[in-house]
Structure formats: structure tokens, C-alpha cells
N, C-alpha and C. Protein backbone atom coordinates (compact mmCIF):
# COMPACT_ATOMS: atom_id res chain seq x y z
N MET A 1 161.67 118.45 64.42
CA MET A 1 162.55 118.83 63.12
C MET A 1 163.51 118.05 62.86
N ARG A 2 163.66 117.70 61.79
CA ARG A 2 164.87 116.61 61.20
C ARG A 2 166.03 117.61 61.08
N PHE A 3 167.20 116.85 61.65
CA PHE A 3 168.32 117.65 61.53
C PHE A 3 168.95 118.16 60.49
N GLU A 4 168.47 117.75 58.98
CA GLU A 4 169.10 117.95 57.85
C GLU A 4 168.42 119.68 57.61
N ASP A 5 167.14 119.66 58.35
CA ASP A 5 166.39 121.29 58.09
C ASP A 5 167.17 122.04 59.18
N TRP A 6 167.16 121.33 60.48
CA TRP A 6 167.75 122.07 61.76
C TRP A 6 169.10 122.84 61.14
N GLU A 7 169.90 122.22 60.53
CA GLU A 7 171.46 122.43 60.33
C GLU A 7 171.47 123.54 59.62
N ILE A 8 170.92 123.92 58.64
CA ILE A 8 170.97 125.15 57.85
C ILE A 8 170.66 126.31 58.83
N ILE A 9 169.80 126.29 59.93
CA ILE A 9 169.58 127.36 60.92
C ILE A 9 170.66 127.58 61.70
N TYR A 10 171.25 126.02 62.41
CA TYR A 10 172.28 126.41 62.95
C TYR A 10 173.37 126.54 62.63
N GLU A 11 173.85 126.66 61.56
CA GLU A 11 175.12 127.30 60.65
C GLU A 11 174.94 128.99 61.01
N SER A 12 173.70 129.36 60.58
CA SER A 12 173.32 130.81 60.57
C SER A 12 173.44 131.24 62.03
N ILE A 13 173.31 130.28 63.07
CA ILE A 13 173.38 130.90 64.60
C ILE A 13 174.86 130.97 64.84
N LEU A 14 175.71 129.99 64.28
CA LEU A 14 177.25 129.70 64.50
C LEU A 14 177.96 130.83 63.84
N ASP A 15 177.35 131.20 62.71
CA ASP A 15 178.06 132.56 62.24
C ASP A 15 177.66 133.73 62.91
N ASP A 16 176.61 133.70 63.16
CA ASP A 16 176.11 135.29 64.16
C ASP A 16 176.93 135.13 65.36
N PHE A 17 177.08 133.99 66.01
CA PHE A 17 177.73 134.43 67.47
C PHE A 17 179.28 134.24 67.32
N GLY A 18 179.60 133.61 66.55
CA GLY A 18 181.13 132.93 66.50
C GLY A 18 181.13 131.78 67.24
N PHE A 19 180.29 130.97 67.51
CA PHE A 19 180.47 129.61 68.07
C PHE A 19 180.90 128.88 67.45
N SER A 20 181.42 127.89 67.99
CA SER A 20 182.41 126.67 67.46
C SER A 20 181.82 125.54 67.30
N ARG A 21 181.41 125.14 66.19
CA ARG A 21 180.77 123.82 65.85
C ARG A 21 181.74 122.43 66.43
N SER A 22 182.98 122.66 66.66
CA SER A 22 183.62 121.68 67.36
C SER A 22 183.56 121.39 68.79
N ARG A 23 183.33 122.57 69.33
CA ARG A 23 183.09 122.50 70.56
C ARG A 23 181.58 122.24 71.18
N ASP A 24 180.53 122.29 70.44
CA ASP A 24 179.39 121.91 70.62
C ASP A 24 179.27 120.45 70.28
N GLU A 25 180.06 119.85 69.40
CA GLU A 25 180.07 118.49 69.18
C GLU A 25 180.70 117.61 70.26
N GLU A 26 181.97 118.14 70.82
CA GLU A 26 182.66 117.75 71.86
C GLU A 26 182.07 117.87 73.22
N ALA A 27 181.15 118.97 73.45
CA ALA A 27 179.90 118.88 74.61
C ALA A 27 179.14 117.79 74.37
N ALA A 28 178.39 117.54 73.30
CA ALA A 28 177.46 116.41 73.19
C ALA A 28 178.48 115.05 73.36
N ARG A 29 179.52 114.96 73.07
CA ARG A 29 179.96 113.59 73.46
C ARG A 29 180.51 113.66 74.70
N VAL A 30 180.57 114.46 75.39
CA VAL A 30 180.63 114.58 76.90
C VAL A 30 179.50 113.95 77.89
N LEU A 31 178.38 114.88 77.30
CA LEU A 31 176.84 114.30 77.94
C LEU A 31 176.92 112.97 77.73
N SER A 32 176.93 112.66 76.37
CA SER A 32 176.57 111.09 76.12
C SER A 32 177.19 110.38 77.06
N SER A 33 178.54 110.63 77.52
CA SER A 33 179.34 109.63 77.99
C SER A 33 178.97 109.81 79.56
N LEU A 34 178.69 110.86 80.07
CA LEU A 34 178.23 110.92 81.49
C LEU A 34 176.48 110.16 81.60
N LEU A 35 175.93 110.40 80.69
CA LEU A 35 174.53 109.75 80.46
C LEU A 35 174.30 107.96 81.03
N GLU A 36 175.35 107.77 80.12
CA GLU A 36 175.68 106.19 80.17
C GLU A 36 175.54 105.67 81.98
N SER A 37 175.89 106.52 82.72
CA SER A 37 176.08 106.29 83.67
C SER A 37 174.90 106.89 84.83
N THR A 38 173.96 107.28 84.15
CA THR A 38 172.85 107.93 84.89
C THR A 38 171.49 107.40 84.75
N ASP A 39 170.69 107.96 85.52
CA ASP A 39 169.15 107.58 85.45
C ASP A 39 168.43 108.10 84.02
N GLN A 40 168.73 107.68 82.85
CA GLN A 40 167.69 108.25 81.77
C GLN A 40 166.79 108.02 81.56
N ILE A 41 165.94 108.90 80.83
CA ILE A 41 164.68 108.93 80.50
C ILE A 41 164.51 109.15 79.01
N THR A 42 163.53 108.06 78.55
CA THR A 42 163.64 107.79 77.21
C THR A 42 162.69 108.90 76.29
N LEU A 43 162.77 109.65 75.17
CA LEU A 43 161.67 109.93 74.33
C LEU A 43 160.09 109.46 74.59
N SER A 44 160.16 108.33 74.26
CA SER A 44 158.88 107.84 74.75
C SER A 44 158.57 107.99 75.96
N ASP A 45 159.11 107.88 76.90
CA ASP A 45 158.48 108.22 78.59
C ASP A 45 157.96 109.66 78.65
N LEU A 46 159.07 110.67 78.19
CA LEU A 46 158.39 112.25 78.00
C LEU A 46 157.16 112.26 77.05
N ARG A 47 157.10 111.81 75.86
CA ARG A 47 156.00 111.64 75.41
C ARG A 47 154.58 110.92 75.75
N ASP A 48 154.46 109.91 76.83
CA ASP A 48 153.78 109.73 77.87
C ASP A 48 153.19 110.87 78.81
N ILE A 49 154.21 111.76 79.23
CA ILE A 49 153.76 112.92 79.94
C ILE A 49 153.10 113.95 79.31
N ILE A 50 153.35 114.10 77.79
CA ILE A 50 152.93 115.60 77.36
C ILE A 50 151.85 114.94 76.39
N ARG A 51 151.74 113.73 75.78
CA ARG A 51 150.97 113.46 74.56
C ARG A 51 149.31 113.76 74.74
N GLY A 52 148.62 114.18 73.89
CA GLY A 52 147.14 114.94 73.84
C GLY A 52 147.10 115.66 75.10
N ARG A 53 147.90 116.46 75.77
CA ARG A 53 147.60 117.51 76.85
C ARG A 53 148.17 118.71 76.41
N GLU A 54 147.40 119.71 77.17
CA GLU A 54 147.55 121.09 76.96
C GLU A 54 148.79 121.53 77.40
N VAL A 55 149.81 122.04 76.78
CA VAL A 55 151.17 122.33 77.58
C VAL A 55 151.42 123.78 77.68
N VAL A 56 151.76 124.20 78.84
CA VAL A 56 152.28 125.46 78.69
C VAL A 56 153.86 125.44 79.16
N VAL A 57 154.51 126.44 78.27
CA VAL A 57 155.95 126.40 78.46
C VAL A 57 156.23 127.50 78.86
N CYS A 58 156.99 127.63 80.18
CA CYS A 58 157.18 128.90 80.85
C CYS A 58 158.59 129.37 80.64
N GLY A 59 158.85 130.68 79.92
CA GLY A 59 160.08 131.31 79.93
C GLY A 59 160.49 131.80 80.91
N ASN A 60 161.44 132.47 81.27
CA ASN A 60 162.09 133.05 82.46
C ASN A 60 162.15 134.64 82.54
N ALA A 61 161.55 135.18 81.99
CA ALA A 61 161.39 136.83 81.38
C ALA A 61 160.46 136.91 82.90
N PRO A 62 161.13 138.42 83.47
CA PRO A 62 160.04 138.71 84.62
C PRO A 62 158.72 138.68 84.44
N CYS A 63 158.23 138.75 83.59
CA CYS A 63 156.70 139.00 83.54
C CYS A 63 156.06 137.44 83.77
N LEU A 64 157.07 136.35 84.25
CA LEU A 64 156.76 135.13 84.15
C LEU A 64 155.82 135.04 85.84
N SER A 65 155.80 135.53 86.77
CA SER A 65 155.19 135.63 87.93
C SER A 65 154.03 135.89 87.87
N GLU A 66 153.74 137.06 86.85
CA GLU A 66 152.40 137.95 86.57
C GLU A 66 151.46 136.81 86.19
N GLU A 67 152.03 135.85 85.16
CA GLU A 67 151.11 135.10 84.37
C GLU A 67 151.29 133.53 84.85
N ILE A 68 151.85 133.39 85.94
CA ILE A 68 151.55 131.76 86.44
C ILE A 68 150.13 131.22 86.69
N GLY A 69 149.43 132.45 86.77
CA GLY A 69 147.94 132.25 86.95
C GLY A 69 146.93 131.91 85.91
N LYS A 70 147.96 131.71 84.63
CA LYS A 70 147.24 131.35 83.44
C LYS A 70 147.57 129.59 83.03
N ILE A 71 147.98 129.07 84.47
CA ILE A 71 148.24 127.53 84.64
C ILE A 71 146.89 126.95 84.92
N ASN A 72 146.66 126.08 84.09
CA ASN A 72 145.27 125.28 84.46
C ASN A 72 145.92 123.90 85.39
N PRO A 73 145.17 123.51 86.32
CA PRO A 73 145.46 122.42 87.06
C PRO A 73 145.79 120.95 86.12
N SER A 74 145.53 121.07 84.78
CA SER A 74 145.66 119.57 84.08
C SER A 74 146.29 119.78 83.19
N ASP A 75 146.91 120.97 83.28
CA ASP A 75 148.09 121.41 82.05
C ASP A 75 149.48 120.83 82.37
N ALA A 76 150.08 120.41 81.36
CA ALA A 76 151.62 119.95 81.14
C ALA A 76 152.50 121.03 81.27
N ILE A 77 153.50 121.26 82.35
CA ILE A 77 154.18 122.21 82.34
C ILE A 77 155.61 121.88 81.89
N VAL A 78 156.32 122.73 81.21
CA VAL A 78 157.58 122.61 80.76
C VAL A 78 158.29 123.78 80.87
N ALA A 79 159.07 123.74 81.68
CA ALA A 79 159.99 125.02 82.34
C ALA A 79 161.48 125.27 81.70
N ALA A 80 161.76 126.57 81.33
CA ALA A 80 162.93 126.50 80.40
C ALA A 80 163.70 127.31 81.64
N ASP A 81 164.85 125.96 82.04
CA ASP A 81 165.77 126.57 82.96
C ASP A 81 165.72 127.28 84.10
N GLY A 82 165.80 128.82 84.30
CA GLY A 82 165.64 129.57 85.44
C GLY A 82 164.12 129.79 85.72
N ALA A 83 163.21 129.54 85.04
CA ALA A 83 161.74 129.33 85.13
C ALA A 83 161.53 128.45 86.27
N THR A 84 162.13 127.71 86.68
CA THR A 84 161.98 126.62 87.70
C THR A 84 161.97 127.06 88.82
N THR A 85 163.19 127.96 89.10
CA THR A 85 162.93 128.84 90.36
C THR A 85 161.45 129.72 90.81
N VAL A 86 161.32 130.47 89.86
CA VAL A 86 160.02 130.84 89.94
C VAL A 86 158.65 130.02 90.18
N LEU A 87 158.68 129.23 89.46
CA LEU A 87 157.77 128.02 89.33
C LEU A 87 157.68 127.26 91.00
N LEU A 88 158.86 127.48 91.59
CA LEU A 88 158.82 126.49 92.80
C LEU A 88 158.11 127.63 93.59
N GLU A 89 158.71 129.11 93.50
CA GLU A 89 158.44 129.85 94.61
C GLU A 89 156.69 130.10 94.56
N HIS A 90 155.99 129.47 93.71
CA HIS A 90 154.71 129.85 93.36
C HIS A 90 154.13 128.12 93.56
N GLY A 91 154.81 127.13 94.17
CA GLY A 91 154.30 126.00 94.62
C GLY A 91 154.42 124.95 93.54
N VAL A 92 154.65 125.30 92.01
CA VAL A 92 154.38 124.58 91.02
C VAL A 92 155.61 123.81 90.39
N ILE A 93 155.43 122.41 90.24
CA ILE A 93 156.38 121.63 90.00
C ILE A 93 156.45 121.24 88.59
N PRO A 94 157.35 121.66 87.83
CA PRO A 94 157.12 121.64 86.43
C PRO A 94 157.13 119.99 85.93
N ASP A 95 156.46 119.44 85.05
CA ASP A 95 156.51 118.25 84.57
C ASP A 95 158.13 117.96 83.94
N ILE A 96 158.58 118.92 83.14
CA ILE A 96 159.81 118.83 82.20
C ILE A 96 160.39 120.08 82.46
N ILE A 97 161.95 119.94 82.98
CA ILE A 97 162.86 121.32 82.63
C ILE A 97 163.45 120.96 81.69
N VAL A 98 163.74 121.96 80.56
CA VAL A 98 164.55 122.19 79.65
C VAL A 98 165.65 123.07 80.36
N THR A 99 167.16 122.75 79.92
CA THR A 99 168.08 123.44 80.78
C THR A 99 169.37 123.26 80.24
N ASP A 100 170.23 124.35 79.98
CA ASP A 100 171.70 124.34 79.76
C ASP A 100 172.46 124.43 80.95
N LEU A 101 171.71 124.15 82.03
CA LEU A 101 172.29 124.20 83.52
C LEU A 101 172.92 125.58 83.76
N ASP A 102 172.57 126.85 83.33
CA ASP A 102 172.88 128.13 83.68
C ASP A 102 171.95 128.45 84.76
N GLY A 103 170.47 127.71 85.11
CA GLY A 103 169.79 128.27 86.26
C GLY A 103 170.06 128.04 87.66
N TYR A 104 169.47 128.23 88.45
CA TYR A 104 169.78 128.12 90.05
C TYR A 104 169.74 126.60 90.05
N MET A 105 170.87 125.89 90.08
CA MET A 105 170.86 124.77 90.21
C MET A 105 170.19 123.80 91.38
N PRO A 106 170.22 124.19 92.63
CA PRO A 106 169.79 123.62 93.68
C PRO A 106 168.29 123.56 93.53
N ASP A 107 167.72 124.69 92.52
CA ASP A 107 166.06 124.79 92.38
C ASP A 107 165.68 123.48 91.25
N ILE A 108 166.82 123.35 90.75
CA ILE A 108 166.30 122.54 89.57
C ILE A 108 166.55 120.98 89.84
N ILE A 109 167.69 120.73 90.69
CA ILE A 109 167.79 119.79 91.38
C ILE A 109 166.64 119.55 92.20
N GLU A 110 166.31 120.30 93.16
CA GLU A 110 165.24 119.86 93.93
C GLU A 110 163.93 119.49 93.08
N SER A 111 163.65 120.42 92.53
CA SER A 111 162.41 120.06 91.45
C SER A 111 162.41 118.74 90.82
N ASN A 112 163.84 118.21 90.21
CA ASN A 112 164.00 116.90 89.61
C ASN A 112 163.77 115.85 90.90
N ARG A 113 164.35 116.08 92.21
CA ARG A 113 164.03 115.32 93.36
C ARG A 113 162.92 114.87 93.41
N ARG A 114 161.87 116.18 93.04
CA ARG A 114 160.35 115.99 93.32
C ARG A 114 159.46 115.73 92.01
N GLY A 115 159.89 114.93 91.10
CA GLY A 115 159.44 114.31 89.80
C GLY A 115 159.69 115.04 88.67
N SER A 116 160.10 116.24 88.43
CA SER A 116 160.49 116.82 87.05
C SER A 116 161.65 115.99 86.53
N ALA A 117 161.22 115.34 85.09
CA ALA A 117 162.07 115.27 83.92
C ALA A 117 163.07 116.16 84.01
N VAL A 118 164.27 115.88 83.38
CA VAL A 118 165.09 117.16 83.14
C VAL A 118 165.96 116.83 81.94
N VAL A 119 165.76 117.71 80.83
CA VAL A 119 166.22 117.68 79.36
C VAL A 119 167.38 118.47 79.46
N VAL A 120 168.69 118.04 79.44
CA VAL A 120 169.93 118.62 79.60
C VAL A 120 170.60 118.92 78.37
N HIS A 121 170.92 120.15 77.92
CA HIS A 121 171.31 120.53 76.98
C HIS A 121 172.84 120.92 77.06
N ALA A 122 173.65 120.53 76.06
CA ALA A 122 174.89 120.63 76.09
C ALA A 122 175.50 121.38 74.80
N HIS A 123 176.31 122.24 74.99
CA HIS A 123 177.10 122.88 73.95
C HIS A 123 178.21 123.47 74.45
N GLY A 124 179.03 124.30 73.39
CA GLY A 124 180.44 124.51 73.99
C GLY A 124 180.75 125.34 74.93
N ASP A 125 179.90 126.04 75.48
CA ASP A 125 180.26 126.76 76.78
C ASP A 125 179.92 126.12 78.22
N ASN A 126 179.48 124.73 77.90
CA ASN A 126 178.68 124.24 79.35
C ASN A 126 179.29 123.16 79.65
N ILE A 127 180.60 122.74 79.01
CA ILE A 127 181.26 121.38 79.56
C ILE A 127 181.77 121.16 80.72
N ASP A 128 182.29 121.87 81.63
CA ASP A 128 182.30 121.97 83.15
C ASP A 128 181.21 121.71 83.72
N LYS A 129 180.37 122.44 83.41
CA LYS A 129 178.99 122.18 84.15
C LYS A 129 178.27 121.11 83.91
N LEU A 130 178.46 120.24 82.62
CA LEU A 130 177.81 118.97 82.41
C LEU A 130 178.49 117.93 83.51
N GLY A 131 179.94 118.07 83.54
CA GLY A 131 180.55 117.54 84.43
C GLY A 131 179.93 117.40 86.02
N GLU A 132 179.80 118.61 86.53
CA GLU A 132 179.45 119.25 87.75
C GLU A 132 177.99 118.60 88.13
N HIS A 133 177.14 118.80 87.23
CA HIS A 133 175.47 118.53 87.59
C HIS A 133 174.91 117.24 87.36
N VAL A 134 175.26 116.87 85.88
CA VAL A 134 174.56 115.66 85.67
C VAL A 134 174.91 114.61 86.52
N PRO A 135 175.68 114.43 86.97
CA PRO A 135 175.82 113.09 88.18
C PRO A 135 174.66 113.15 89.07
N HIS A 136 174.04 114.68 89.36
CA HIS A 136 173.29 114.56 90.48
C HIS A 136 171.96 114.70 90.07
N LEU A 137 171.69 114.37 89.07
CA LEU A 137 170.20 114.55 88.63
C LEU A 137 169.78 112.98 87.67
N ARG A 138 168.45 112.83 87.92
CA ARG A 138 168.06 111.62 87.56
C ARG A 138 167.11 111.88 86.45
N ARG A 139 166.39 111.06 85.59
CA ARG A 139 165.32 111.13 84.90
C ARG A 139 165.62 112.35 83.64
N ILE A 140 166.55 112.11 83.08
CA ILE A 140 167.39 112.90 82.15
C ILE A 140 167.43 112.39 80.67
N LEU A 141 167.17 113.32 79.75
CA LEU A 141 167.36 113.46 78.17
C LEU A 141 168.14 114.34 78.05
N GLY A 142 169.34 113.68 77.37
CA GLY A 142 170.02 114.68 76.64
C GLY A 142 169.94 115.18 75.30
N THR A 143 170.16 116.70 74.95
CA THR A 143 170.08 117.26 73.73
C THR A 143 171.37 118.15 73.23
N THR A 144 171.51 118.42 72.05
CA THR A 144 172.46 118.93 71.63
C THR A 144 172.18 120.12 70.49
N GLN A 145 172.53 121.08 69.98
CA GLN A 145 172.45 121.81 68.97
C GLN A 145 173.05 121.49 67.76
N SER A 146 173.91 120.58 67.62
CA SER A 146 174.96 119.98 66.68
C SER A 146 174.42 118.68 66.09
N SER A 147 175.19 117.90 65.62
CA SER A 147 174.99 116.70 65.08
C SER A 147 174.63 115.57 66.38
N PRO A 148 173.24 115.05 66.30
CA PRO A 148 172.82 114.30 67.55
C PRO A 148 173.41 112.98 67.49
N LEU A 149 173.39 112.43 68.83
CA LEU A 149 174.35 111.14 68.87
C LEU A 149 173.14 110.00 69.22
N LYS A 150 173.54 108.92 69.87
CA LYS A 150 172.60 107.41 69.87
C LYS A 150 171.75 108.23 71.14
N ASN A 151 172.34 108.73 72.37
CA ASN A 151 171.50 109.08 73.30
C ASN A 151 171.48 110.67 73.61
N VAL A 152 171.91 111.42 72.74
CA VAL A 152 171.75 112.90 72.67
C VAL A 152 171.10 113.45 71.72
N HIS A 153 170.02 114.17 71.78
CA HIS A 153 169.09 114.25 70.54
C HIS A 153 169.04 115.85 70.20
N ASN A 154 168.61 116.22 69.19
CA ASN A 154 168.58 117.47 68.46
C ASN A 154 166.99 117.59 68.01
N PHE A 155 166.07 118.24 68.75
CA PHE A 155 164.88 118.55 68.17
C PHE A 155 165.04 119.83 67.83
N GLY A 156 165.69 120.64 67.63
CA GLY A 156 165.76 121.91 67.10
C GLY A 156 165.84 122.96 68.20
N GLY A 157 166.15 124.49 67.56
CA GLY A 157 166.05 125.21 69.18
C GLY A 157 167.26 125.85 69.63
N PHE A 158 167.49 126.74 69.99
CA PHE A 158 168.81 127.50 70.56
C PHE A 158 168.77 127.95 72.00
N THR A 159 167.76 128.79 72.36
CA THR A 159 167.86 129.07 73.80
C THR A 159 166.92 127.87 74.57
N ASP A 160 167.00 128.46 75.79
CA ASP A 160 166.15 127.14 76.51
C ASP A 160 164.66 127.42 76.06
N GLY A 161 164.23 128.39 75.93
CA GLY A 161 162.92 128.95 75.86
C GLY A 161 162.41 128.38 74.55
N ASP A 162 163.03 128.44 73.49
CA ASP A 162 162.66 128.26 72.21
C ASP A 162 162.84 126.51 72.03
N ARG A 163 163.86 126.19 72.62
CA ARG A 163 164.03 124.75 72.93
C ARG A 163 163.19 124.02 73.35
N ALA A 164 162.53 124.55 74.56
CA ALA A 164 161.55 123.90 74.90
C ALA A 164 160.17 123.63 74.50
N VAL A 165 159.66 124.57 73.42
CA VAL A 165 158.63 124.37 72.40
C VAL A 165 159.15 123.77 71.28
N PHE A 166 160.18 123.66 70.97
CA PHE A 166 160.53 122.51 70.00
C PHE A 166 160.49 120.90 70.41
N LEU A 167 161.06 120.91 71.68
CA LEU A 167 160.51 119.66 72.53
C LEU A 167 159.31 119.37 72.43
N ALA A 168 158.62 120.24 73.18
CA ALA A 168 157.15 119.84 73.36
C ALA A 168 156.48 119.48 72.00
N LEU A 169 156.60 120.20 71.02
CA LEU A 169 156.24 119.78 69.79
C LEU A 169 156.63 118.35 69.26
N GLU A 170 157.59 117.89 69.61
CA GLU A 170 157.94 116.51 69.32
C GLU A 170 157.35 115.33 70.33
N LEU A 171 156.53 115.94 71.28
CA LEU A 171 155.99 115.07 72.31
C LEU A 171 154.55 114.92 72.01
N MET A 172 153.89 115.45 70.98
CA MET A 172 152.39 115.27 70.36
C MET A 172 151.35 116.11 71.42
N PRO A 173 151.71 117.25 71.82
CA PRO A 173 150.61 117.94 72.73
C PRO A 173 149.47 118.10 72.09
N LYS A 174 148.28 118.62 72.64
CA LYS A 174 147.05 119.14 72.42
C LYS A 174 147.56 120.34 71.47
N SER A 175 148.06 121.43 72.29
CA SER A 175 147.91 122.60 72.29
C SER A 175 149.52 123.19 73.17
N ILE A 176 150.07 124.33 72.62
CA ILE A 176 150.99 124.77 73.56
C ILE A 176 150.63 126.18 73.64
N LYS A 177 151.07 126.59 74.91
CA LYS A 177 150.75 128.08 75.39
C LYS A 177 152.21 128.54 75.84
N LEU A 178 152.39 129.90 75.56
CA LEU A 178 153.74 130.28 76.13
C LEU A 178 153.18 131.25 77.32
N ILE A 179 154.12 131.03 78.27
CA ILE A 179 154.26 132.14 79.43
C ILE A 179 155.60 132.45 79.67
N GLY A 180 155.88 133.96 80.34
CA GLY A 180 157.30 134.13 80.55
C GLY A 180 158.11 134.43 79.61
N PHE A 181 157.39 134.82 78.30
CA PHE A 181 158.52 135.39 77.12
C PHE A 181 158.32 136.55 77.30
N ASP A 182 159.56 137.26 77.11
CA ASP A 182 159.44 138.76 76.50
C ASP A 182 160.71 138.96 75.60
N PHE A 183 160.34 139.17 74.43
CA PHE A 183 161.62 138.97 73.29
C PHE A 183 162.10 140.69 73.12
N ASP A 184 161.20 141.39 73.96
CA ASP A 184 161.81 142.78 73.83
C ASP A 184 162.11 143.48 74.93
N ASP A 185 162.70 142.18 76.13
CA ASP A 185 163.22 143.04 77.38
C ASP A 185 164.41 143.72 77.26
N GLN A 186 164.01 144.94 77.73
CA GLN A 186 165.23 145.93 77.60
C GLN A 186 166.23 146.04 78.70
N SER A 187 166.24 145.22 79.70
CA SER A 187 166.95 145.03 80.87
C SER A 187 168.10 144.27 80.43
N VAL A 188 168.14 143.38 79.30
CA VAL A 188 169.22 142.35 79.11
C VAL A 188 170.15 142.90 78.63
N THR A 189 171.40 142.26 78.64
CA THR A 189 172.60 142.84 77.75
C THR A 189 172.35 142.58 76.17
N PRO A 190 173.19 143.40 75.37
CA PRO A 190 173.07 143.33 73.77
C PRO A 190 173.41 141.63 73.21
N ARG A 191 174.08 141.11 73.88
CA ARG A 191 174.27 139.65 73.60
C ARG A 191 172.85 138.50 73.95
N LYS A 192 172.43 139.14 74.88
CA LYS A 192 170.94 138.13 75.15
C LYS A 192 170.24 138.99 74.41
N SER A 193 170.21 140.00 74.29
CA SER A 193 169.33 140.63 73.17
C SER A 193 168.97 139.99 71.83
N LYS A 194 170.38 139.99 71.45
CA LYS A 194 170.27 139.12 70.03
C LYS A 194 169.82 137.61 70.43
N LYS A 195 169.96 136.98 71.25
CA LYS A 195 169.72 136.00 71.84
C LYS A 195 167.94 135.44 71.40
N LEU A 196 167.53 136.69 72.17
CA LEU A 196 166.15 136.58 72.04
C LEU A 196 165.43 137.09 70.72
N ARG A 197 166.04 137.65 70.03
CA ARG A 197 165.84 137.81 68.57
C ARG A 197 165.62 136.25 67.90
N TRP A 198 166.72 135.67 67.93
CA TRP A 198 166.66 134.54 67.31
C TRP A 198 165.79 133.53 67.79
N ALA A 199 165.38 133.53 69.22
CA ALA A 199 164.38 132.75 69.98
C ALA A 199 162.68 133.14 69.21
N LYS A 200 162.65 134.32 69.07
CA LYS A 200 161.46 134.85 68.72
C LYS A 200 161.38 134.28 67.18
N VAL A 201 162.39 134.50 66.20
CA VAL A 201 162.29 133.77 64.94
C VAL A 201 162.16 132.23 65.02
N LEU A 202 163.02 131.57 65.81
CA LEU A 202 162.58 130.17 65.87
C LEU A 202 161.39 129.77 66.29
N LEU A 203 160.70 130.66 67.34
CA LEU A 203 159.48 130.23 67.86
C LEU A 203 158.44 130.21 66.56
N GLU A 204 158.62 131.55 65.70
CA GLU A 204 157.61 131.55 64.70
C GLU A 204 157.62 130.35 64.00
N ALA A 205 158.90 129.88 63.53
CA ALA A 205 159.30 129.34 62.57
C ALA A 205 158.42 127.69 63.13
N ALA A 206 158.66 127.54 64.76
CA ALA A 206 158.21 126.21 65.32
C ALA A 206 156.74 126.27 64.95
N LEU A 207 156.08 127.41 65.27
CA LEU A 207 154.83 127.36 65.51
C LEU A 207 153.90 127.80 64.20
N GLY A 208 154.72 127.64 63.04
CA GLY A 208 154.00 127.92 61.61
C GLY A 208 154.15 129.04 60.92
N SER A 209 154.86 129.90 61.16
CA SER A 209 154.96 130.94 60.28
C SER A 209 156.24 130.97 59.29
N GLY A 210 157.31 129.83 59.46
CA GLY A 210 158.26 130.00 58.51
C GLY A 210 159.62 130.65 59.41
N PHE A 211 160.45 130.51 58.42
CA PHE A 211 162.05 130.89 59.12
C PHE A 211 162.60 132.06 58.45
N THR A 212 162.50 133.28 59.07
CA THR A 212 163.45 134.18 58.62
C THR A 212 164.71 134.65 59.42
N GLU A 213 165.87 134.90 59.01
CA GLU A 213 166.96 135.21 59.83
C GLU A 213 166.69 136.57 60.55
N PRO A 214 166.94 136.92 61.85
CA PRO A 214 166.90 137.90 62.31
C PRO A 214 167.78 139.04 61.68
């Protein structure tokens, strides 16, 4: 997705949640600086992993454990943040982890050590976590939901789950299948529920049915 198209949606998200664009932009700059001294991976490298393959994007809803059996041995696996822990518990190492560093970091770091590329997302609420965790990761690509920088990309997307789908679409997959997504999860907080509504809208837009605000 072009940033010019995403920016309109992004402004709606900022208004709905009261987020600060300036804080998001600050976080992107912090991540950009941290990436200069880390083992970065390029967009081309990620495309080499995904291009032409059937991709399974794993959300972190409670249903993920029941749906892992839908993964085929030849599938490329993209894990949304905390889904990494569930995958590891089932002996599955994702090809790519998409995270804003809210998941259980020892598992994300272990999966990264065992070969997972990590797409680290910067936003206004995780600046401290960027400084804490990015130096311990390798094969990293940076993303932001605000204006992209030279080494911090914006493919579109808001939550880890829908952002993982936007990323996968950029990498030229043969197909995309979703597991571990539950947009009507009644066990979450009202704030999380609103995020899930946005994630559903964004996924519908990404996968072809157009954008309508929740």
C-alpha cells in the first residue's frame, strides 16, 4: 500500500484512539537509529522467503492452538507477535515474526535465534521497548504506521495481525490463509475490542473488499 493511501486511514485511527502522530514519528526515528547498528534484513530478503508460496498468517487469538493443524509443511508462516509462543509450543518456527514487542520476548528472541526474521514495529507507546529489545535481535526489518524513513517501512496495517497480512501482500505470496484470528473475542478489554474492529476492517480492505470505517 502506498503511504498516500494509508495516511487517510491512519489519520482516522489517530482520531479514534487519540494517538499522537508526533510520538509515532519519534518512535520511527528511534528505531531507525537502532537499526543502524543491528543485523538488518532487506525487503528483498523477505520477498525471497515468501514469493510464490502459500502463506499462513497466524494471529494470537485463543483459537490458534486448535487451528495450527491447518498449516502445511510447505507453507510460509508469518506470526503476529504473541502467536510466536503458541507456535513454539507446537514445535513450529515461523519464517517471519511481526511484532511491536508486546509479546513474550524470550520466545520471540528464541525463535529469532532459530531462524525467524523479525519485523519490528515502532509506535508512540513502545519507544522504551525498542531500546530494550532491538539490540538483542537479528535479521530485523523496521516498520512504522507514520511516515516511512529510509530503513523504516510502512506497508499499511494497525495491529500486529492485520499488519502481518499487509506485509505478506508486499512479498508476492501465492495465497494467504489466516488462522488464530477472532474479531469477536468477548474476553478482551473494550480498547482491545475496538482494535479488533479496526483489524477486521483493514483486513477486509487489504484482501479486496474495500475500506469502510468501523
